[in-house]
PDB file of N, CA and C in Angstrom:
ATOM      1  N   UNK A   1      38.012  75.005  94.109  1.00  0.00           N
ATOM      2  CA  UNK A   1      38.248  74.539  95.442  1.00  0.00           C
ATOM      3  C   UNK A   1      37.246  75.210  96.380  1.00  0.00           C
ATOM      4  N   UNK A   2      36.701  74.474  97.304  1.00  0.00           N
ATOM      5  CA  UNK A   2      35.733  75.045  98.236  1.00  0.00           C
ATOM      6  C   UNK A   2      36.428  75.662  99.445  1.00  0.00           C
ATOM      7  N   UNK A   3      35.640  76.212 100.353  1.00  0.00           N
ATOM      8  CA  UNK A   3      36.198  76.892 101.536  1.00  0.00           C
ATOM      9  C   UNK A   3      37.023  75.930 102.379  1.00  0.00           C
ATOM     10  N   UNK A   4      36.540  74.705 102.584  1.00  0.00           N
ATOM     11  CA  UNK A   4      37.282  73.727 103.393  1.00  0.00           C
ATOM     12  C   UNK A   4      38.609  73.380 102.729  1.00  0.00           C
ATOM     13  N   UNK A   5      38.609  73.234 101.407  1.00  0.00           N
ATOM     14  CA  UNK A   5      39.849  72.949 100.687  1.00  0.00           C
ATOM     15  C   UNK A   5      40.833  74.098 100.777  1.00  0.00           C
ATOM     16  N   UNK A   6      40.323  75.339 100.686  1.00  0.00           N
ATOM     17  CA  UNK A   6      41.187  76.518 100.816  1.00  0.00           C
ATOM     18  C   UNK A   6      41.764  76.625 102.223  1.00  0.00           C
ATOM     19  N   UNK A   7      40.947  76.345 103.224  1.00  0.00           N
ATOM     20  CA  UNK A   7      41.425  76.406 104.607  1.00  0.00           C
ATOM     21  C   UNK A   7      42.514  75.359 104.832  1.00  0.00           C
ATOM     22  N   UNK A   8      42.293  74.157 104.322  1.00  0.00           N
ATOM     23  CA  UNK A   8      43.293  73.103 104.479  1.00  0.00           C
ATOM     24  C   UNK A   8      44.597  73.479 103.791  1.00  0.00           C
ATOM     25  N   UNK A   9      44.497  74.031 102.584  1.00  0.00           N
ATOM     26  CA  UNK A   9      45.688  74.460 101.849  1.00  0.00           C
ATOM     27  C   UNK A   9      46.432  75.554 102.603  1.00  0.00           C
ATOM     28  N   UNK A  10      45.696  76.513 103.152  1.00  0.00           N
ATOM     29  CA  UNK A  10      46.331  77.600 103.897  1.00  0.00           C
ATOM     30  C   UNK A  10      47.016  77.073 105.151  1.00  0.00           C
ATOM     31  N   UNK A  11      46.382  76.154 105.849  1.00  0.00           N
ATOM     32  CA  UNK A  11      46.982  75.570 107.057  1.00  0.00           C
ATOM     33  C   UNK A  11      48.244  74.793 106.701  1.00  0.00           C
ATOM     34  N   UNK A  12      48.194  74.024 105.625  1.00  0.00           N
ATOM     35  CA  UNK A  12      49.370  73.254 105.218  1.00  0.00           C
ATOM     36  C   UNK A  12      50.516  74.166 104.791  1.00  0.00           C
ATOM     37  N   UNK A  13      50.211  75.229 104.063  1.00  0.00           N
ATOM     38  CA  UNK A  13      51.258  76.167 103.644  1.00  0.00           C
ATOM     39  C   UNK A  13      51.901  76.831 104.856  1.00  0.00           C
ATOM     40  N   UNK A  14      51.084  77.210 105.818  1.00  0.00           N
ATOM     41  CA  UNK A  14      51.614  77.841 107.022  1.00  0.00           C
ATOM     42  C   UNK A  14      52.475  76.866 107.807  1.00  0.00           C
ATOM     43  N   UNK A  15      52.027  75.633 107.931  1.00  0.00           N
ATOM     44  CA  UNK A  15      52.804  74.626 108.658  1.00  0.00           C
ATOM     45  C   UNK A  15      54.153  74.378 107.981  1.00  0.00           C
ATOM     46  N   UNK A  16      54.150  74.287 106.660  1.00  0.00           N
ATOM     47  CA  UNK A  16      55.410  74.096 105.937  1.00  0.00           C
ATOM     48  C   UNK A  16      56.328  75.306 106.093  1.00  0.00           C
ATOM     49  N   UNK A  17      55.759  76.494 106.043  1.00  0.00           N
ATOM     50  CA  UNK A  17      56.564  77.711 106.189  1.00  0.00           C
ATOM     51  C   UNK A  17      57.177  77.784 107.573  1.00  0.00           C
ATOM     52  N   UNK A  18      56.391  77.487 108.585  1.00  0.00           N
ATOM     53  CA  UNK A  18      56.925  77.533 109.950  1.00  0.00           C
ATOM     54  C   UNK A  18      57.933  76.421 110.183  1.00  0.00           C
ATOM     55  N   UNK A  19      57.743  75.297 109.517  1.00  0.00           N
ATOM     56  CA  UNK A  19      58.694  74.199 109.660  1.00  0.00           C
ATOM     57  C   UNK A  19      60.049  74.510 109.065  1.00  0.00           C
ATOM     58  N   UNK A  20      60.078  75.361 108.056  1.00  0.00           N
ATOM     59  CA  UNK A  20      61.353  75.726 107.441  1.00  0.00           C
ATOM     60  C   UNK A  20      61.912  77.026 107.998  1.00  0.00           C
ATOM     61  N   UNK A  21      61.316  77.531 109.055  1.00  0.00           N
ATOM     62  CA  UNK A  21      61.766  78.796 109.633  1.00  0.00           C
ATOM     63  C   UNK A  21      63.139  78.672 110.290  1.00  0.00           C
ATOM     64  N   UNK A  22      63.670  77.471 110.391  1.00  0.00           N
ATOM     65  CA  UNK A  22      64.959  77.270 111.027  1.00  0.00           C
ATOM     66  C   UNK A  22      66.143  77.469 110.098  1.00  0.00           C
ATOM     67  N   UNK A  23      65.935  78.023 108.916  1.00  0.00           N
ATOM     68  CA  UNK A  23      67.037  78.253 107.990  1.00  0.00           C
ATOM     69  C   UNK A  23      68.020  79.250 108.582  1.00  0.00           C
ATOM     70  N   UNK A  24      69.286  78.955 108.468  1.00  0.00           N
ATOM     71  CA  UNK A  24      70.302  79.891 108.926  1.00  0.00           C
ATOM     72  C   UNK A  24      71.070  79.360 110.124  1.00  0.00           C
ATOM     73  N   UNK A  25      72.226  79.955 110.345  1.00  0.00           N
ATOM     74  CA  UNK A  25      73.080  79.472 111.411  1.00  0.00           C
ATOM     75  C   UNK A  25      73.007  80.333 112.659  1.00  0.00           C
ATOM     76  N   UNK A  26      72.436  81.513 112.577  1.00  0.00           N
ATOM     77  CA  UNK A  26      72.316  82.356 113.771  1.00  0.00           C
ATOM     78  C   UNK A  26      70.848  82.633 114.058  1.00  0.00           C
ATOM     79  N   UNK A  27      70.593  83.116 115.249  1.00  0.00           N
ATOM     80  CA  UNK A  27      69.225  83.415 115.644  1.00  0.00           C
ATOM     81  C   UNK A  27      68.610  84.485 114.745  1.00  0.00           C
ATOM     82  N   UNK A  28      69.387  85.486 114.392  1.00  0.00           N
ATOM     83  CA  UNK A  28      68.853  86.549 113.529  1.00  0.00           C
ATOM     84  C   UNK A  28      68.592  86.042 112.113  1.00  0.00           C
ATOM     85  N   UNK A  29      69.444  85.150 111.584  1.00  0.00           N
ATOM     86  CA  UNK A  29      69.203  84.554 110.265  1.00  0.00           C
ATOM     87  C   UNK A  29      67.892  83.776 110.263  1.00  0.00           C
ATOM     88  N   UNK A  30      67.669  82.986 111.312  1.00  0.00           N
ATOM     89  CA  UNK A  30      66.449  82.189 111.389  1.00  0.00           C
ATOM     90  C   UNK A  30      65.223  83.078 111.551  1.00  0.00           C
ATOM     91  N   UNK A  31      65.346  84.166 112.305  1.00  0.00           N
ATOM     92  CA  UNK A  31      64.217  85.087 112.479  1.00  0.00           C
ATOM     93  C   UNK A  31      63.885  85.782 111.161  1.00  0.00           C
ATOM     94  N   UNK A  32      64.906  86.205 110.415  1.00  0.00           N
ATOM     95  CA  UNK A  32      64.673  86.865 109.121  1.00  0.00           C
ATOM     96  C   UNK A  32      64.036  85.925 108.111  1.00  0.00           C
ATOM     97  N   UNK A  33      64.593  84.738 107.969  1.00  0.00           N
ATOM     98  CA  UNK A  33      64.036  83.803 106.992  1.00  0.00           C
ATOM     99  C   UNK A  33      62.657  83.330 107.423  1.00  0.00           C
ATOM    100  N   UNK A  34      62.476  83.099 108.709  1.00  0.00           N
ATOM    101  CA  UNK A  34      61.157  82.691 109.200  1.00  0.00           C
ATOM    102  C   UNK A  34      60.118  83.768 108.988  1.00  0.00           C
ATOM    103  N   UNK A  35      60.505  85.024 109.209  1.00  0.00           N
ATOM    104  CA  UNK A  35      59.581  86.130 108.989  1.00  0.00           C
ATOM    105  C   UNK A  35      59.182  86.262 107.534  1.00  0.00           C
ATOM    106  N   UNK A  36      60.143  86.108 106.641  1.00  0.00           N
ATOM    107  CA  UNK A  36      59.849  86.212 105.206  1.00  0.00           C
ATOM    108  C   UNK A  36      58.954  85.069 104.743  1.00  0.00           C
ATOM    109  N   UNK A  37      59.272  83.874 105.162  1.00  0.00           N
ATOM    110  CA  UNK A  37      58.466  82.713 104.777  1.00  0.00           C
ATOM    111  C   UNK A  37      57.069  82.820 105.381  1.00  0.00           C
ATOM    112  N   UNK A  38      57.003  83.210 106.648  1.00  0.00           N
ATOM    113  CA  UNK A  38      55.704  83.346 107.312  1.00  0.00           C
ATOM    114  C   UNK A  38      54.839  84.429 106.694  1.00  0.00           C
ATOM    115  N   UNK A  39      55.450  85.539 106.315  1.00  0.00           N
ATOM    116  CA  UNK A  39      54.691  86.626 105.689  1.00  0.00           C
ATOM    117  C   UNK A  39      54.101  86.175 104.356  1.00  0.00           C
ATOM    118  N   UNK A  40      54.895  85.480 103.571  1.00  0.00           N
ATOM    119  CA  UNK A  40      54.394  84.976 102.295  1.00  0.00           C
ATOM    120  C   UNK A  40      53.274  83.962 102.478  1.00  0.00           C
ATOM    121  N   UNK A  41      53.458  83.047 103.401  1.00  0.00           N
ATOM    122  CA  UNK A  41      52.432  82.035 103.650  1.00  0.00           C
ATOM    123  C   UNK A  41      51.172  82.657 104.232  1.00  0.00           C
ATOM    124  N   UNK A  42      51.333  83.616 105.136  1.00  0.00           N
ATOM    125  CA  UNK A  42      50.174  84.281 105.724  1.00  0.00           C
ATOM    126  C   UNK A  42      49.387  85.079 104.706  1.00  0.00           C
ATOM    127  N   UNK A  43      50.087  85.787 103.842  1.00  0.00           N
ATOM    128  CA  UNK A  43      49.415  86.572 102.809  1.00  0.00           C
ATOM    129  C   UNK A  43      48.709  85.659 101.808  1.00  0.00           C
ATOM    130  N   UNK A  44      49.364  84.580 101.405  1.00  0.00           N
ATOM    131  CA  UNK A  44      48.757  83.641 100.460  1.00  0.00           C
ATOM    132  C   UNK A  44      47.549  82.953 101.078  1.00  0.00           C
ATOM    133  N   UNK A  45      47.683  82.521 102.318  1.00  0.00           N
ATOM    134  CA  UNK A  45      46.561  81.865 102.991  1.00  0.00           C
ATOM    135  C   UNK A  45      45.381  82.798 103.161  1.00  0.00           C
ATOM    136  N   UNK A  46      45.660  84.029 103.520  1.00  0.00           N
ATOM    137  CA  UNK A  46      44.603  85.010 103.693  1.00  0.00           C
ATOM    138  C   UNK A  46      43.923  85.330 102.363  1.00  0.00           C
ATOM    139  N   UNK A  47      44.697  85.406 101.304  1.00  0.00           N
ATOM    140  CA  UNK A  47      44.122  85.657  99.978  1.00  0.00           C
ATOM    141  C   UNK A  47      43.224  84.499  99.551  1.00  0.00           C
ATOM    142  N   UNK A  48      43.642  83.279  99.836  1.00  0.00           N
ATOM    143  CA  UNK A  48      42.832  82.113  99.482  1.00  0.00           C
ATOM    144  C   UNK A  48      41.522  82.075 100.251  1.00  0.00           C
ATOM    145  N   UNK A  49      41.564  82.547 101.488  1.00  0.00           N
ATOM    146  CA  UNK A  49      40.373  82.506 102.327  1.00  0.00           C
ATOM    147  C   UNK A  49      39.532  83.761 102.226  1.00  0.00           C
ATOM    148  N   UNK A  50      39.968  84.737 101.434  1.00  0.00           N
ATOM    149  CA  UNK A  50      39.207  85.955 101.245  1.00  0.00           C
ATOM    150  C   UNK A  50      39.378  86.976 102.353  1.00  0.00           C
ATOM    151  N   UNK A  51      40.439  86.851 103.122  1.00  0.00           N
ATOM    152  CA  UNK A  51      40.706  87.795 104.211  1.00  0.00           C
ATOM    153  C   UNK A  51      41.624  88.912 103.767  1.00  0.00           C
ATOM    154  N   UNK A  52      42.081  89.673 104.724  1.00  0.00           N
ATOM    155  CA  UNK A  52      42.990  90.780 104.463  1.00  0.00           C
ATOM    156  C   UNK A  52      44.391  90.238 104.176  1.00  0.00           C
ATOM    157  N   UNK A  53      44.906  90.540 103.000  1.00  0.00           N
ATOM    158  CA  UNK A  53      46.235  90.065 102.629  1.00  0.00           C
ATOM    159  C   UNK A  53      47.295  90.712 103.527  1.00  0.00           C
ATOM    160  N   UNK A  54      47.129  91.998 103.801  1.00  0.00           N
ATOM    161  CA  UNK A  54      48.088  92.695 104.664  1.00  0.00           C
ATOM    162  C   UNK A  54      48.066  92.115 106.075  1.00  0.00           C
ATOM    163  N   UNK A  55      46.873  91.895 106.600  1.00  0.00           N
ATOM    164  CA  UNK A  55      46.753  91.322 107.943  1.00  0.00           C
ATOM    165  C   UNK A  55      47.337  89.924 108.016  1.00  0.00           C
ATOM    166  N   UNK A  56      47.063  89.109 107.008  1.00  0.00           N
ATOM    167  CA  UNK A  56      47.616  87.757 106.966  1.00  0.00           C
ATOM    168  C   UNK A  56      49.129  87.764 106.866  1.00  0.00           C
ATOM    169  N   UNK A  57      49.656  88.700 106.062  1.00  0.00           N
ATOM    170  CA  UNK A  57      51.106  88.815 105.926  1.00  0.00           C
ATOM    171  C   UNK A  57      51.767  89.252 107.218  1.00  0.00           C
ATOM    172  N   UNK A  58      51.133  90.200 107.913  1.00  0.00           N
ATOM    173  CA  UNK A  58      51.691  90.672 109.188  1.00  0.00           C
ATOM    174  C   UNK A  58      51.672  89.572 110.248  1.00  0.00           C
ATOM    175  N   UNK A  59      50.535  88.889 110.364  1.00  0.00           N
ATOM    176  CA  UNK A  59      50.451  87.813 111.360  1.00  0.00           C
ATOM    177  C   UNK A  59      51.384  86.651 111.015  1.00  0.00           C
ATOM    178  N   UNK A  60      51.424  86.275 109.745  1.00  0.00           N
ATOM    179  CA  UNK A  60      52.314  85.196 109.326  1.00  0.00           C
ATOM    180  C   UNK A  60      53.779  85.551 109.508  1.00  0.00           C
ATOM    181  N   UNK A  61      54.125  86.801 109.190  1.00  0.00           N
ATOM    182  CA  UNK A  61      55.503  87.251 109.378  1.00  0.00           C
ATOM    183  C   UNK A  61      55.914  87.249 110.842  1.00  0.00           C
ATOM    184  N   UNK A  62      55.005  87.700 111.698  1.00  0.00           N
ATOM    185  CA  UNK A  62      55.306  87.705 113.138  1.00  0.00           C
ATOM    186  C   UNK A  62      55.462  86.291 113.675  1.00  0.00           C
ATOM    187  N   UNK A  63      54.564  85.396 113.253  1.00  0.00           N
ATOM    188  CA  UNK A  63      54.647  84.006 113.710  1.00  0.00           C
ATOM    189  C   UNK A  63      55.914  83.331 113.176  1.00  0.00           C
ATOM    190  N   UNK A  64      56.251  83.576 111.916  1.00  0.00           N
ATOM    191  CA  UNK A  64      57.461  82.979 111.336  1.00  0.00           C
ATOM    192  C   UNK A  64      58.731  83.509 111.964  1.00  0.00           C
ATOM    193  N   UNK A  65      58.774  84.815 112.231  1.00  0.00           N
ATOM    194  CA  UNK A  65      59.957  85.404 112.868  1.00  0.00           C
ATOM    195  C   UNK A  65      60.131  84.874 114.279  1.00  0.00           C
ATOM    196  N   UNK A  66      59.035  84.767 115.012  1.00  0.00           N
ATOM    197  CA  UNK A  66      59.122  84.238 116.380  1.00  0.00           C
ATOM    198  C   UNK A  66      59.565  82.783 116.363  1.00  0.00           C
ATOM    199  N   UNK A  67      59.004  81.999 115.450  1.00  0.00           N
ATOM    200  CA  UNK A  67      59.393  80.593 115.353  1.00  0.00           C
ATOM    201  C   UNK A  67      60.867  80.466 114.986  1.00  0.00           C
ATOM    202  N   UNK A  68      61.317  81.260 114.030  1.00  0.00           N
ATOM    203  CA  UNK A  68      62.722  81.219 113.639  1.00  0.00           C
ATOM    204  C   UNK A  68      63.650  81.653 114.761  1.00  0.00           C
ATOM    205  N   UNK A  69      63.244  82.678 115.503  1.00  0.00           N
ATOM    206  CA  UNK A  69      64.090  83.186 116.590  1.00  0.00           C
ATOM    207  C   UNK A  69      64.190  82.190 117.733  1.00  0.00           C
ATOM    208  N   UNK A  70      63.111  81.440 117.978  1.00  0.00           N
ATOM    209  CA  UNK A  70      63.106  80.515 119.109  1.00  0.00           C
ATOM    210  C   UNK A  70      63.502  79.098 118.725  1.00  0.00           C
ATOM    211  N   UNK A  71      63.876  78.892 117.458  1.00  0.00           N
ATOM    212  CA  UNK A  71      64.316  77.581 116.997  1.00  0.00           C
ATOM    213  C   UNK A  71      65.826  77.479 117.145  1.00  0.00           C
ATOM    214  N   UNK A  72      66.278  76.395 117.702  1.00  0.00           N
ATOM    215  CA  UNK A  72      67.709  76.170 117.868  1.00  0.00           C
ATOM    216  C   UNK A  72      68.306  75.690 116.547  1.00  0.00           C
ATOM    217  N   UNK A  73      69.538  76.054 116.292  1.00  0.00           N
ATOM    218  CA  UNK A  73      70.216  75.681 115.049  1.00  0.00           C
ATOM    219  C   UNK A  73      70.241  74.166 114.858  1.00  0.00           C
ATOM    220  N   UNK A  74      70.334  73.415 115.941  1.00  0.00           N
ATOM    221  CA  UNK A  74      70.409  71.962 115.832  1.00  0.00           C
ATOM    222  C   UNK A  74      69.048  71.318 115.569  1.00  0.00           C
ATOM    223  N   UNK A  75      67.948  72.056 115.817  1.00  0.00           N
ATOM    224  CA  UNK A  75      66.616  71.498 115.570  1.00  0.00           C
ATOM    225  C   UNK A  75      66.376  71.295 114.082  1.00  0.00           C
ATOM    226  N   UNK A  76      66.573  72.346 113.299  1.00  0.00           N
ATOM    227  CA  UNK A  76      66.379  72.298 111.846  1.00  0.00           C
ATOM    228  C   UNK A  76      67.549  73.033 111.213  1.00  0.00           C
ATOM    229  N   UNK A  77      68.333  72.344 110.406  1.00  0.00           N
ATOM    230  CA  UNK A  77      69.465  72.985 109.746  1.00  0.00           C
ATOM    231  C   UNK A  77      69.367  72.724 108.251  1.00  0.00           C
ATOM    232  N   UNK A  78      68.975  73.751 107.505  1.00  0.00           N
ATOM    233  CA  UNK A  78      68.855  73.636 106.055  1.00  0.00           C
ATOM    234  C   UNK A  78      70.015  74.292 105.327  1.00  0.00           C
ATOM    235  N   UNK A  79      71.088  74.547 106.040  1.00  0.00           N
ATOM    236  CA  UNK A  79      72.265  75.115 105.413  1.00  0.00           C
ATOM    237  C   UNK A  79      72.331  76.626 105.539  1.00  0.00           C
ATOM    238  N   UNK A  80      73.287  77.202 104.804  1.00  0.00           N
ATOM    239  CA  UNK A  80      73.489  78.651 104.860  1.00  0.00           C
ATOM    240  C   UNK A  80      72.341  79.373 104.167  1.00  0.00           C
ATOM    241  N   UNK A  81      71.913  80.517 104.710  1.00  0.00           N
ATOM    242  CA  UNK A  81      70.863  81.284 104.033  1.00  0.00           C
ATOM    243  C   UNK A  81      71.380  81.877 102.729  1.00  0.00           C
ATOM    244  N   UNK A  82      70.477  82.251 101.845  1.00  0.00           N
ATOM    245  CA  UNK A  82      70.837  82.747 100.524  1.00  0.00           C
ATOM    246  C   UNK A  82      71.626  84.049 100.587  1.00  0.00           C
ATOM    247  N   UNK A  83      71.430  84.852 101.646  1.00  0.00           N
ATOM    248  CA  UNK A  83      72.102  86.151 101.712  1.00  0.00           C
ATOM    249  C   UNK A  83      73.507  86.067 102.251  1.00  0.00           C
ATOM    250  N   UNK A  84      73.990  84.877 102.666  1.00  0.00           N
ATOM    251  CA  UNK A  84      75.379  84.734 103.132  1.00  0.00           C
ATOM    252  C   UNK A  84      76.304  84.423 101.985  1.00  0.00           C
TER     253      UNK A  84
END
C-alpha cells in the first residue's frame, strides 16, 4: 500500500472509531469507550503512516474521549458497554 492508501485507511479507521464513540448509556461510559477506541485508531493510523505511535494514541484517545463525552445518548446508542 502506498502513502495515499495508508492515509486513507488511517482516516477511515479514525472516522469509524469516532463514530462509535457513543457506546454507553452515561457520559462517562461514552468518554471511556470513545477514548479507548480513539487511542487504538490513533496508534494504528500513526503506525501505518510512520509517525509516533504514542503520539497518535494520545491524540486519538483525546479526540475519542471528547467525542464520546459530547455525544448525547440518543445520537448513537449501541447498547450497554462491555464493562456493565
